[in-house]
Amino acid sequence: MLRPTSTGQVGRDLLLGCTDQALRDMQTLDKNLYGGRTHDDRNEELGPASLAYQLNQWVNSVDDEFKDPNASGSIAIHVAVERIKIYETAIALNIKTATNKIAEVDEKANATPGDDCARKAQYIYEAIRLTNPHRRLQELRQLSETLKATGDKPSREL
């Protein structure tokens, strides 16, 4: 993160507030496209960065159910499917937030800046666009569709 300094131009710009909103928008996109989001009652990370963790948790939930001698396979799968649905819901929220923020970033990057302060903020919006957030958003949409299909398939087969 950029930190205001008493001597640098970036510090003066931040102190003047020229780029505050642009930096908040960048943080929002970073969190929703790449970072975790704590959501559930177990205080687990449910965002895009936690996919490997979630996969491990789904496997563990099935294994844990099979430790019970009275458990059935369908119950074990049902527990994992419920966890997948929770994760998919969290990813859907990330997608919704990121979609709205990307539209806003695109609009601000394409706008004609009215003054020097707006131009400085626009530089940040242009830099955000260089990271190609549309591609990452598409990856999350594909993940969401896969999660939906994975969550639906066992239910249909049992």
N, C-alpha and C. Protein backbone atom coordinates (compact mmCIF):
# COMPACT_ATOMS: atom_id res chain seq x y z
N MET A 1 0.84 -1.18 0.00
CA MET A 1 0.00 0.00 0.00
C MET A 1 0.88 1.23 0.00
N LEU A 2 0.44 2.24 -0.67
CA LEU A 2 1.17 3.50 -0.68
C LEU A 2 0.98 4.21 0.65
N ARG A 3 2.06 4.66 1.22
CA ARG A 3 1.99 5.35 2.50
C ARG A 3 2.38 6.81 2.28
N PRO A 4 1.56 7.74 2.78
CA PRO A 4 1.90 9.16 2.62
C PRO A 4 3.20 9.49 3.34
N THR A 5 4.02 10.26 2.68
CA THR A 5 5.25 10.74 3.30
C THR A 5 5.20 12.26 3.28
N SER A 6 6.04 12.85 4.07
CA SER A 6 6.02 14.31 4.15
C SER A 6 6.73 14.95 2.95
N THR A 7 7.49 14.15 2.18
CA THR A 7 8.25 14.75 1.09
C THR A 7 7.82 14.30 -0.29
N GLY A 8 7.24 13.12 -0.44
CA GLY A 8 6.93 12.60 -1.76
C GLY A 8 5.63 13.14 -2.33
N GLN A 9 5.57 13.19 -3.66
CA GLN A 9 4.36 13.66 -4.34
C GLN A 9 3.19 12.74 -4.03
N VAL A 10 3.45 11.43 -3.99
CA VAL A 10 2.37 10.49 -3.68
C VAL A 10 1.79 10.81 -2.31
N GLY A 11 2.64 11.09 -1.36
CA GLY A 11 2.17 11.44 -0.01
C GLY A 11 1.32 12.68 -0.02
N ARG A 12 1.74 13.70 -0.75
CA ARG A 12 0.94 14.93 -0.82
C ARG A 12 -0.42 14.65 -1.47
N ASP A 13 -0.40 13.86 -2.53
CA ASP A 13 -1.67 13.54 -3.21
C ASP A 13 -2.61 12.81 -2.27
N LEU A 14 -2.08 11.85 -1.52
CA LEU A 14 -2.93 11.10 -0.60
C LEU A 14 -3.46 12.00 0.50
N LEU A 15 -2.62 12.88 1.00
CA LEU A 15 -3.07 13.80 2.05
C LEU A 15 -4.15 14.74 1.53
N LEU A 16 -4.07 15.09 0.28
CA LEU A 16 -5.08 15.96 -0.30
C LEU A 16 -6.36 15.20 -0.64
N GLY A 17 -6.29 13.89 -0.61
CA GLY A 17 -7.46 13.08 -0.88
C GLY A 17 -7.72 12.82 -2.36
N CYS A 18 -6.80 13.18 -3.22
CA CYS A 18 -7.01 13.00 -4.65
C CYS A 18 -7.21 11.54 -5.04
N THR A 19 -6.49 10.67 -4.40
CA THR A 19 -6.49 9.27 -4.83
C THR A 19 -7.12 8.33 -3.80
N ASP A 20 -7.67 8.87 -2.74
CA ASP A 20 -8.22 8.01 -1.68
C ASP A 20 -9.27 7.03 -2.21
N GLN A 21 -10.23 7.52 -2.98
CA GLN A 21 -11.30 6.65 -3.48
C GLN A 21 -10.74 5.63 -4.46
N ALA A 22 -9.82 6.05 -5.30
CA ALA A 22 -9.22 5.12 -6.27
C ALA A 22 -8.48 4.00 -5.55
N LEU A 23 -7.80 4.33 -4.48
CA LEU A 23 -7.09 3.30 -3.71
C LEU A 23 -8.07 2.38 -2.99
N ARG A 24 -9.16 2.92 -2.48
CA ARG A 24 -10.18 2.06 -1.86
C ARG A 24 -10.80 1.13 -2.90
N ASP A 25 -11.03 1.65 -4.10
CA ASP A 25 -11.57 0.80 -5.17
C ASP A 25 -10.59 -0.32 -5.51
N MET A 26 -9.31 0.00 -5.55
CA MET A 26 -8.29 -1.00 -5.83
C MET A 26 -8.29 -2.08 -4.74
N GLN A 27 -8.41 -1.68 -3.49
CA GLN A 27 -8.45 -2.64 -2.39
C GLN A 27 -9.70 -3.52 -2.46
N THR A 28 -10.83 -2.93 -2.82
CA THR A 28 -12.07 -3.70 -2.94
C THR A 28 -11.93 -4.76 -4.03
N LEU A 29 -11.37 -4.38 -5.15
CA LEU A 29 -11.17 -5.36 -6.23
C LEU A 29 -10.19 -6.45 -5.81
N ASP A 30 -9.11 -6.05 -5.17
CA ASP A 30 -8.12 -7.03 -4.72
C ASP A 30 -8.76 -8.05 -3.78
N LYS A 31 -9.53 -7.57 -2.85
CA LYS A 31 -10.18 -8.45 -1.87
C LYS A 31 -11.17 -9.40 -2.55
N ASN A 32 -11.94 -8.89 -3.49
CA ASN A 32 -13.00 -9.69 -4.10
C ASN A 32 -12.52 -10.58 -5.23
N LEU A 33 -11.43 -10.22 -5.88
CA LEU A 33 -10.92 -11.05 -6.96
C LEU A 33 -9.85 -12.04 -6.51
N TYR A 34 -9.14 -11.71 -5.44
CA TYR A 34 -8.01 -12.55 -5.03
C TYR A 34 -8.03 -12.96 -3.56
N GLY A 35 -8.58 -12.15 -2.70
CA GLY A 35 -8.45 -12.40 -1.27
C GLY A 35 -9.55 -13.23 -0.68
N GLY A 36 -9.40 -13.55 0.58
CA GLY A 36 -10.41 -14.31 1.30
C GLY A 36 -11.45 -13.39 1.89
N ARG A 37 -12.57 -13.96 2.26
CA ARG A 37 -13.65 -13.21 2.88
C ARG A 37 -14.17 -14.08 4.01
N THR A 38 -14.11 -13.59 5.24
CA THR A 38 -14.58 -14.37 6.37
C THR A 38 -16.08 -14.24 6.46
N HIS A 39 -16.78 -15.37 6.44
CA HIS A 39 -18.23 -15.33 6.33
C HIS A 39 -18.96 -16.20 7.32
N ASP A 40 -18.48 -17.40 7.54
CA ASP A 40 -19.34 -18.36 8.21
C ASP A 40 -19.13 -18.39 9.72
N ASP A 41 -19.93 -19.19 10.38
CA ASP A 41 -19.90 -19.25 11.85
C ASP A 41 -18.62 -19.92 12.37
N ARG A 42 -17.86 -20.57 11.51
CA ARG A 42 -16.60 -21.17 11.92
C ARG A 42 -15.44 -20.21 11.69
N ASN A 43 -15.74 -18.99 11.27
CA ASN A 43 -14.74 -17.95 10.99
C ASN A 43 -13.75 -18.42 9.92
N GLU A 44 -14.23 -19.14 8.93
CA GLU A 44 -13.39 -19.65 7.85
C GLU A 44 -13.34 -18.69 6.69
N GLU A 45 -12.20 -18.66 6.03
CA GLU A 45 -12.05 -17.85 4.83
C GLU A 45 -12.80 -18.50 3.68
N LEU A 46 -13.64 -17.75 3.02
CA LEU A 46 -14.45 -18.30 1.95
C LEU A 46 -14.20 -17.62 0.61
N GLY A 47 -13.18 -16.82 0.51
CA GLY A 47 -12.94 -16.11 -0.73
C GLY A 47 -12.09 -16.89 -1.70
N PRO A 48 -11.78 -16.28 -2.85
CA PRO A 48 -11.04 -16.96 -3.92
C PRO A 48 -9.70 -17.54 -3.49
N ALA A 49 -9.01 -16.88 -2.57
CA ALA A 49 -7.69 -17.36 -2.16
C ALA A 49 -7.75 -18.64 -1.35
N SER A 50 -8.92 -19.01 -0.90
CA SER A 50 -9.03 -20.17 -0.01
C SER A 50 -9.48 -21.44 -0.70
N LEU A 51 -9.41 -21.51 -2.03
CA LEU A 51 -9.90 -22.69 -2.74
C LEU A 51 -9.19 -23.97 -2.29
N ALA A 52 -7.86 -23.95 -2.20
CA ALA A 52 -7.13 -25.15 -1.77
C ALA A 52 -7.56 -25.56 -0.36
N TYR A 53 -7.72 -24.60 0.51
CA TYR A 53 -8.18 -24.88 1.87
C TYR A 53 -9.57 -25.51 1.83
N GLN A 54 -10.45 -24.95 1.02
CA GLN A 54 -11.82 -25.47 0.93
C GLN A 54 -11.85 -26.89 0.40
N LEU A 55 -11.06 -27.17 -0.63
CA LEU A 55 -11.01 -28.54 -1.16
C LEU A 55 -10.62 -29.52 -0.07
N ASN A 56 -9.62 -29.16 0.71
CA ASN A 56 -9.18 -30.00 1.81
C ASN A 56 -10.30 -30.19 2.84
N GLN A 57 -11.03 -29.13 3.13
CA GLN A 57 -12.13 -29.22 4.09
C GLN A 57 -13.25 -30.12 3.59
N TRP A 58 -13.53 -30.07 2.30
CA TRP A 58 -14.59 -30.93 1.75
C TRP A 58 -14.21 -32.39 1.88
N VAL A 59 -12.96 -32.71 1.56
CA VAL A 59 -12.49 -34.09 1.70
C VAL A 59 -12.53 -34.52 3.16
N ASN A 60 -12.06 -33.65 4.04
CA ASN A 60 -12.07 -33.96 5.47
C ASN A 60 -13.48 -34.18 6.00
N SER A 61 -14.44 -33.41 5.51
CA SER A 61 -15.81 -33.57 6.01
C SER A 61 -16.36 -34.94 5.61
N VAL A 62 -16.05 -35.41 4.43
CA VAL A 62 -16.47 -36.75 4.02
C VAL A 62 -15.77 -37.80 4.88
N ASP A 63 -14.46 -37.65 5.05
CA ASP A 63 -13.70 -38.59 5.87
C ASP A 63 -14.22 -38.64 7.31
N ASP A 64 -14.52 -37.47 7.87
CA ASP A 64 -15.03 -37.41 9.24
C ASP A 64 -16.36 -38.13 9.38
N GLU A 65 -17.22 -37.97 8.39
CA GLU A 65 -18.52 -38.65 8.45
C GLU A 65 -18.35 -40.17 8.41
N PHE A 66 -17.38 -40.65 7.63
CA PHE A 66 -17.18 -42.09 7.53
C PHE A 66 -16.54 -42.69 8.79
N LYS A 67 -16.02 -41.85 9.67
CA LYS A 67 -15.49 -42.35 10.95
C LYS A 67 -16.62 -42.84 11.85
N ASP A 68 -17.80 -42.34 11.62
CA ASP A 68 -18.97 -42.78 12.37
C ASP A 68 -19.46 -44.09 11.74
N PRO A 69 -19.45 -45.19 12.52
CA PRO A 69 -19.85 -46.48 11.94
C PRO A 69 -21.30 -46.51 11.46
N ASN A 70 -22.13 -45.60 11.94
CA ASN A 70 -23.53 -45.56 11.53
C ASN A 70 -23.79 -44.62 10.35
N ALA A 71 -22.74 -43.93 9.91
CA ALA A 71 -22.91 -42.96 8.82
C ALA A 71 -23.05 -43.67 7.48
N SER A 72 -23.80 -43.06 6.61
CA SER A 72 -23.96 -43.62 5.27
C SER A 72 -23.19 -42.75 4.27
N GLY A 73 -22.94 -43.30 3.12
CA GLY A 73 -22.24 -42.55 2.08
C GLY A 73 -23.00 -41.32 1.65
N SER A 74 -24.33 -41.44 1.56
CA SER A 74 -25.10 -40.28 1.11
C SER A 74 -25.04 -39.14 2.12
N ILE A 75 -25.00 -39.47 3.40
CA ILE A 75 -24.88 -38.41 4.42
C ILE A 75 -23.52 -37.74 4.32
N ALA A 76 -22.49 -38.54 4.13
CA ALA A 76 -21.13 -37.99 4.02
C ALA A 76 -21.03 -37.04 2.83
N ILE A 77 -21.59 -37.45 1.71
CA ILE A 77 -21.55 -36.61 0.52
C ILE A 77 -22.40 -35.36 0.73
N HIS A 78 -23.54 -35.51 1.38
CA HIS A 78 -24.42 -34.37 1.65
C HIS A 78 -23.69 -33.29 2.47
N VAL A 79 -22.91 -33.71 3.46
CA VAL A 79 -22.17 -32.75 4.28
C VAL A 79 -21.18 -31.97 3.41
N ALA A 80 -20.47 -32.66 2.55
CA ALA A 80 -19.51 -31.98 1.66
C ALA A 80 -20.24 -31.05 0.69
N VAL A 81 -21.36 -31.50 0.15
CA VAL A 81 -22.13 -30.68 -0.79
C VAL A 81 -22.60 -29.39 -0.12
N GLU A 82 -23.04 -29.48 1.12
CA GLU A 82 -23.47 -28.28 1.84
C GLU A 82 -22.32 -27.30 2.00
N ARG A 83 -21.13 -27.79 2.27
CA ARG A 83 -19.95 -26.92 2.40
C ARG A 83 -19.62 -26.28 1.04
N ILE A 84 -19.75 -27.05 -0.02
CA ILE A 84 -19.50 -26.51 -1.36
C ILE A 84 -20.49 -25.38 -1.67
N LYS A 85 -21.73 -25.56 -1.30
CA LYS A 85 -22.76 -24.54 -1.55
C LYS A 85 -22.47 -23.26 -0.76
N ILE A 86 -21.98 -23.39 0.45
CA ILE A 86 -21.62 -22.21 1.25
C ILE A 86 -20.50 -21.45 0.56
N TYR A 87 -19.50 -22.18 0.08
CA TYR A 87 -18.37 -21.55 -0.61
C TYR A 87 -18.84 -20.90 -1.91
N GLU A 88 -19.71 -21.56 -2.64
CA GLU A 88 -20.21 -21.01 -3.89
C GLU A 88 -20.99 -19.72 -3.64
N THR A 89 -21.75 -19.67 -2.57
CA THR A 89 -22.48 -18.45 -2.22
C THR A 89 -21.52 -17.30 -1.93
N ALA A 90 -20.44 -17.60 -1.23
CA ALA A 90 -19.44 -16.57 -0.93
C ALA A 90 -18.77 -16.08 -2.21
N ILE A 91 -18.44 -17.01 -3.10
CA ILE A 91 -17.81 -16.63 -4.37
C ILE A 91 -18.79 -15.80 -5.21
N ALA A 92 -20.06 -16.15 -5.18
CA ALA A 92 -21.07 -15.37 -5.92
C ALA A 92 -21.11 -13.93 -5.43
N LEU A 93 -20.97 -13.74 -4.12
CA LEU A 93 -20.94 -12.38 -3.57
C LEU A 93 -19.68 -11.64 -4.04
N ASN A 94 -18.54 -12.35 -4.07
CA ASN A 94 -17.32 -11.74 -4.59
C ASN A 94 -17.52 -11.30 -6.05
N ILE A 95 -18.16 -12.16 -6.83
CA ILE A 95 -18.39 -11.86 -8.25
C ILE A 95 -19.28 -10.64 -8.40
N LYS A 96 -20.34 -10.58 -7.63
CA LYS A 96 -21.27 -9.43 -7.72
C LYS A 96 -20.55 -8.13 -7.37
N THR A 97 -19.82 -8.14 -6.27
CA THR A 97 -19.12 -6.93 -5.83
C THR A 97 -18.07 -6.52 -6.86
N ALA A 98 -17.29 -7.50 -7.34
CA ALA A 98 -16.23 -7.20 -8.31
C ALA A 98 -16.81 -6.70 -9.63
N THR A 99 -17.90 -7.28 -10.08
CA THR A 99 -18.53 -6.84 -11.33
C THR A 99 -18.92 -5.38 -11.25
N ASN A 100 -19.55 -4.99 -10.15
CA ASN A 100 -19.95 -3.59 -9.97
C ASN A 100 -18.74 -2.67 -9.89
N LYS A 101 -17.71 -3.10 -9.17
CA LYS A 101 -16.53 -2.26 -8.99
C LYS A 101 -15.75 -2.14 -10.30
N ILE A 102 -15.67 -3.21 -11.07
CA ILE A 102 -14.96 -3.14 -12.36
C ILE A 102 -15.67 -2.17 -13.30
N ALA A 103 -16.98 -2.18 -13.32
CA ALA A 103 -17.72 -1.24 -14.15
C ALA A 103 -17.42 0.20 -13.73
N GLU A 104 -17.36 0.41 -12.45
CA GLU A 104 -17.03 1.75 -11.93
C GLU A 104 -15.61 2.15 -12.31
N VAL A 105 -14.66 1.23 -12.17
CA VAL A 105 -13.27 1.51 -12.51
C VAL A 105 -13.15 1.83 -14.00
N ASP A 106 -13.82 1.04 -14.84
CA ASP A 106 -13.78 1.29 -16.29
C ASP A 106 -14.32 2.68 -16.62
N GLU A 107 -15.42 3.03 -15.98
CA GLU A 107 -16.02 4.35 -16.23
C GLU A 107 -15.07 5.47 -15.82
N LYS A 108 -14.46 5.32 -14.65
CA LYS A 108 -13.57 6.38 -14.17
C LYS A 108 -12.27 6.44 -14.97
N ALA A 109 -11.80 5.30 -15.46
CA ALA A 109 -10.58 5.29 -16.28
C ALA A 109 -10.83 5.93 -17.63
N ASN A 110 -12.05 5.84 -18.13
CA ASN A 110 -12.39 6.41 -19.44
C ASN A 110 -12.86 7.85 -19.37
N ALA A 111 -13.14 8.33 -18.19
CA ALA A 111 -13.67 9.69 -18.02
C ALA A 111 -12.60 10.73 -18.37
N THR A 112 -13.06 11.87 -18.78
CA THR A 112 -12.14 12.99 -19.02
C THR A 112 -11.94 13.70 -17.69
N PRO A 113 -10.71 13.69 -17.18
CA PRO A 113 -10.49 14.32 -15.87
C PRO A 113 -10.70 15.83 -15.93
N GLY A 114 -11.38 16.35 -14.90
CA GLY A 114 -11.69 17.76 -14.87
C GLY A 114 -10.57 18.62 -14.33
N ASP A 115 -9.71 18.06 -13.50
CA ASP A 115 -8.62 18.84 -12.91
C ASP A 115 -7.44 17.91 -12.62
N ASP A 116 -6.41 18.50 -12.07
CA ASP A 116 -5.17 17.75 -11.79
C ASP A 116 -5.42 16.62 -10.79
N CYS A 117 -6.25 16.89 -9.82
CA CYS A 117 -6.55 15.87 -8.80
C CYS A 117 -7.27 14.68 -9.45
N ALA A 118 -8.23 14.93 -10.28
CA ALA A 118 -8.97 13.86 -10.97
C ALA A 118 -8.05 13.08 -11.90
N ARG A 119 -7.10 13.77 -12.50
CA ARG A 119 -6.14 13.11 -13.39
C ARG A 119 -5.27 12.13 -12.60
N LYS A 120 -4.88 12.51 -11.40
CA LYS A 120 -4.06 11.63 -10.56
C LYS A 120 -4.84 10.39 -10.14
N ALA A 121 -6.09 10.56 -9.84
CA ALA A 121 -6.93 9.41 -9.51
C ALA A 121 -7.12 8.53 -10.75
N GLN A 122 -7.26 9.17 -11.91
CA GLN A 122 -7.46 8.41 -13.14
C GLN A 122 -6.25 7.53 -13.44
N TYR A 123 -5.05 7.97 -13.10
CA TYR A 123 -3.86 7.15 -13.30
C TYR A 123 -3.98 5.82 -12.55
N ILE A 124 -4.53 5.88 -11.36
CA ILE A 124 -4.71 4.65 -10.58
C ILE A 124 -5.75 3.76 -11.24
N TYR A 125 -6.84 4.35 -11.71
CA TYR A 125 -7.86 3.55 -12.40
C TYR A 125 -7.31 2.90 -13.67
N GLU A 126 -6.47 3.63 -14.40
CA GLU A 126 -5.85 3.06 -15.58
C GLU A 126 -4.90 1.92 -15.19
N ALA A 127 -4.17 2.08 -14.10
CA ALA A 127 -3.28 1.02 -13.63
C ALA A 127 -4.08 -0.22 -13.21
N ILE A 128 -5.22 -0.01 -12.59
CA ILE A 128 -6.08 -1.14 -12.21
C ILE A 128 -6.49 -1.91 -13.46
N ARG A 129 -6.87 -1.19 -14.49
CA ARG A 129 -7.29 -1.85 -15.74
C ARG A 129 -6.16 -2.63 -16.38
N LEU A 130 -4.92 -2.19 -16.19
CA LEU A 130 -3.78 -2.92 -16.74
C LEU A 130 -3.62 -4.31 -16.10
N THR A 131 -4.18 -4.50 -14.92
CA THR A 131 -4.10 -5.82 -14.27
C THR A 131 -5.11 -6.80 -14.85
N ASN A 132 -5.95 -6.33 -15.76
CA ASN A 132 -6.98 -7.13 -16.44
C ASN A 132 -7.94 -7.80 -15.45
N PRO A 133 -8.65 -7.01 -14.67
CA PRO A 133 -9.58 -7.60 -13.71
C PRO A 133 -10.73 -8.36 -14.39
N HIS A 134 -11.03 -8.05 -15.65
CA HIS A 134 -12.09 -8.77 -16.37
C HIS A 134 -11.74 -10.25 -16.51
N ARG A 135 -10.48 -10.53 -16.77
CA ARG A 135 -10.06 -11.93 -16.92
C ARG A 135 -10.21 -12.68 -15.60
N ARG A 136 -9.75 -12.07 -14.52
CA ARG A 136 -9.87 -12.73 -13.22
C ARG A 136 -11.34 -12.93 -12.86
N LEU A 137 -12.17 -11.96 -13.19
CA LEU A 137 -13.61 -12.09 -12.93
C LEU A 137 -14.18 -13.28 -13.70
N GLN A 138 -13.74 -13.45 -14.93
CA GLN A 138 -14.21 -14.59 -15.73
C GLN A 138 -13.76 -15.91 -15.09
N GLU A 139 -12.55 -15.95 -14.55
CA GLU A 139 -12.08 -17.16 -13.86
C GLU A 139 -12.97 -17.47 -12.66
N LEU A 140 -13.36 -16.45 -11.92
CA LEU A 140 -14.24 -16.67 -10.77
C LEU A 140 -15.62 -17.14 -11.22
N ARG A 141 -16.11 -16.62 -12.33
CA ARG A 141 -17.40 -17.08 -12.85
C ARG A 141 -17.32 -18.56 -13.23
N GLN A 142 -16.21 -18.96 -13.84
CA GLN A 142 -16.03 -20.37 -14.19
C GLN A 142 -15.96 -21.24 -12.93
N LEU A 143 -15.27 -20.75 -11.92
CA LEU A 143 -15.20 -21.47 -10.64
C LEU A 143 -16.60 -21.61 -10.06
N SER A 144 -17.37 -20.55 -10.09
CA SER A 144 -18.73 -20.58 -9.56
C SER A 144 -19.58 -21.61 -10.29
N GLU A 145 -19.49 -21.63 -11.61
CA GLU A 145 -20.26 -22.61 -12.39
C GLU A 145 -19.84 -24.04 -12.06
N THR A 146 -18.54 -24.24 -11.88
CA THR A 146 -18.05 -25.58 -11.52
C THR A 146 -18.55 -25.98 -10.14
N LEU A 147 -18.54 -25.05 -9.21
CA LEU A 147 -19.04 -25.34 -7.87
C LEU A 147 -20.52 -25.68 -7.90
N LYS A 148 -21.28 -24.93 -8.69
CA LYS A 148 -22.72 -25.21 -8.80
C LYS A 148 -22.94 -26.61 -9.36
N ALA A 149 -22.20 -26.95 -10.40
CA ALA A 149 -22.35 -28.27 -11.01
C ALA A 149 -21.92 -29.37 -10.05
N THR A 150 -20.86 -29.13 -9.31
CA THR A 150 -20.38 -30.13 -8.35
C THR A 150 -21.38 -30.30 -7.22
N GLY A 151 -21.95 -29.20 -6.77
CA GLY A 151 -22.94 -29.28 -5.69
C GLY A 151 -24.24 -29.92 -6.12
N ASP A 152 -24.60 -29.78 -7.38
CA ASP A 152 -25.86 -30.35 -7.87
C ASP A 152 -25.73 -31.82 -8.25
N LYS A 153 -24.59 -32.21 -8.79
CA LYS A 153 -24.44 -33.56 -9.32
C LYS A 153 -24.67 -34.67 -8.28
N PRO A 154 -24.04 -34.61 -7.10
CA PRO A 154 -24.27 -35.70 -6.13
C PRO A 154 -25.71 -35.80 -5.71
N SER A 155 -26.40 -34.68 -5.61
CA SER A 155 -27.80 -34.69 -5.20
C SER A 155 -28.67 -35.43 -6.21
N ARG A 156 -28.37 -35.26 -7.49
CA ARG A 156 -29.12 -35.91 -8.54
C ARG A 156 -28.83 -37.42 -8.59
N GLU A 157 -27.61 -37.78 -8.21
CA GLU A 157 -27.21 -39.18 -8.34
C GLU A 157 -27.57 -40.02 -7.13
N LEU A 158 -27.89 -39.39 -6.00
CA LEU A 158 -28.18 -40.16 -4.79
C LEU A 158 -29.64 -40.48 -4.66
